[in-house]
C-alpha atoms as a PDB file:
ATOM      1  CA  MET A   1      15.081  -6.771   7.254  1.00  0.00           C
ATOM      2  CA  PRO A   2      11.708  -5.741   6.848  1.00  0.00           C
ATOM      3  CA  VAL A   3      10.778  -1.970   6.132  1.00  0.00           C
ATOM      4  CA  THR A   4       8.734  -0.717   8.946  1.00  0.00           C
ATOM      5  CA  PRO A   5       6.853   2.459   9.130  1.00  0.00           C
ATOM      6  CA  MET A   6       9.751   3.903  11.529  1.00  0.00           C
ATOM      7  CA  HIS A   7      12.145   3.299   8.996  1.00  0.00           C
ATOM      8  CA  ILE A   8      10.249   5.079   6.025  1.00  0.00           C
ATOM      9  CA  MET A   9       9.610   8.216   8.650  1.00  0.00           C
ATOM     10  CA  GLN A  10      13.192   8.554   9.445  1.00  0.00           C
ATOM     11  CA  ALA A  11      14.796   7.482   5.728  1.00  0.00           C
ATOM     12  CA  ARG A  12      17.159  10.067   4.591  1.00  0.00           C
ATOM     13  CA  GLY A  13      15.833   9.721   1.016  1.00  0.00           C
ATOM     14  CA  PRO A  14      12.937   7.949  -0.665  1.00  0.00           C
ATOM     15  CA  LEU A  15      12.693   4.112  -0.248  1.00  0.00           C
ATOM     16  CA  PRO A  16      11.539   2.049  -3.348  1.00  0.00           C
ATOM     17  CA  GLY A  17       7.978   1.565  -3.616  1.00  0.00           C
ATOM     18  CA  PHE A  18       7.216   4.338  -0.918  1.00  0.00           C
ATOM     19  CA  THR A  19       7.974   7.503  -3.417  1.00  0.00           C
ATOM     20  CA  ASN A  20       4.527   8.102  -4.289  1.00  0.00           C
ATOM     21  CA  LEU A  21       2.749  10.283  -1.487  1.00  0.00           C
ATOM     22  CA  PRO A  22       0.559  10.291   0.058  1.00  0.00           C
ATOM     23  CA  CYS A  23       0.704   6.512   1.492  1.00  0.00           C
ATOM     24  CA  THR A  24      -0.651   4.743   4.324  1.00  0.00           C
ATOM     25  CA  LEU A  25       2.056   3.525   6.689  1.00  0.00           C
ATOM     26  CA  GLY A  26       1.358   0.549   8.677  1.00  0.00           C
ATOM     27  CA  HIS A  27       1.501  -3.091   8.790  1.00  0.00           C
ATOM     28  CA  GLU A  28      -2.339  -3.741   7.514  1.00  0.00           C
ATOM     29  CA  ASN A  29      -3.505  -1.305   4.912  1.00  0.00           C
ATOM     30  CA  ALA A  30      -7.299  -1.476   4.256  1.00  0.00           C
ATOM     31  CA  GLY A  31      -9.582   0.481   1.956  1.00  0.00           C
ATOM     32  CA  TRP A  32     -11.998   0.318  -1.030  1.00  0.00           C
ATOM     33  CA  VAL A  33     -11.068  -0.799  -4.548  1.00  0.00           C
ATOM     34  CA  GLU A  34     -11.463   2.363  -6.665  1.00  0.00           C
ATOM     35  CA  GLN A  35     -10.740   1.063 -10.043  1.00  0.00           C
ATOM     36  CA  LEU A  36      -9.279  -2.030 -11.893  1.00  0.00           C
ATOM     37  CA  GLY A  37      -6.468  -1.940 -14.421  1.00  0.00           C
ATOM     38  CA  PRO A  38      -6.453  -4.417 -17.590  1.00  0.00           C
ATOM     39  CA  GLY A  39      -6.831  -7.797 -16.844  1.00  0.00           C
ATOM     40  CA  VAL A  40      -7.252  -7.508 -13.039  1.00  0.00           C
ATOM     41  CA  THR A  41      -9.724 -10.229 -11.826  1.00  0.00           C
ATOM     42  CA  GLY A  42     -11.401 -11.249  -8.628  1.00  0.00           C
ATOM     43  CA  PHE A  43     -12.185  -7.552  -7.327  1.00  0.00           C
ATOM     44  CA  THR A  44     -14.864  -5.298  -8.043  1.00  0.00           C
ATOM     45  CA  PRO A  45     -15.067  -1.241  -7.756  1.00  0.00           C
ATOM     46  CA  GLY A  46     -16.218  -0.518  -4.324  1.00  0.00           C
ATOM     47  CA  GLU A  47     -15.063  -3.733  -2.647  1.00  0.00           C
ATOM     48  CA  PRO A  48     -13.619  -3.550   0.875  1.00  0.00           C
ATOM     49  CA  VAL A  49     -10.087  -4.984   0.861  1.00  0.00           C
ATOM     50  CA  ILE A  50      -7.287  -5.280   3.508  1.00  0.00           C
ATOM     51  CA  VAL A  51      -3.631  -5.525   2.349  1.00  0.00           C
ATOM     52  CA  TYR A  52      -1.442  -8.068   4.724  1.00  0.00           C
ATOM     53  CA  GLY A  53       2.319  -7.271   4.440  1.00  0.00           C
ATOM     54  CA  SER A  54       3.519 -10.724   4.896  1.00  0.00           C
END
């Protein structure tokens, strides 16, 4: 079963992957690349991105 924003909000304890707050709840998260880690390619800082959960 997929974890939805409702599951996260009603959880009695931290869920794996959702322990670092703040986090953006939703199925499609969007933003801009802030910085890149070692070995990351295909993105540049300042580039707009969207994360599709599926």
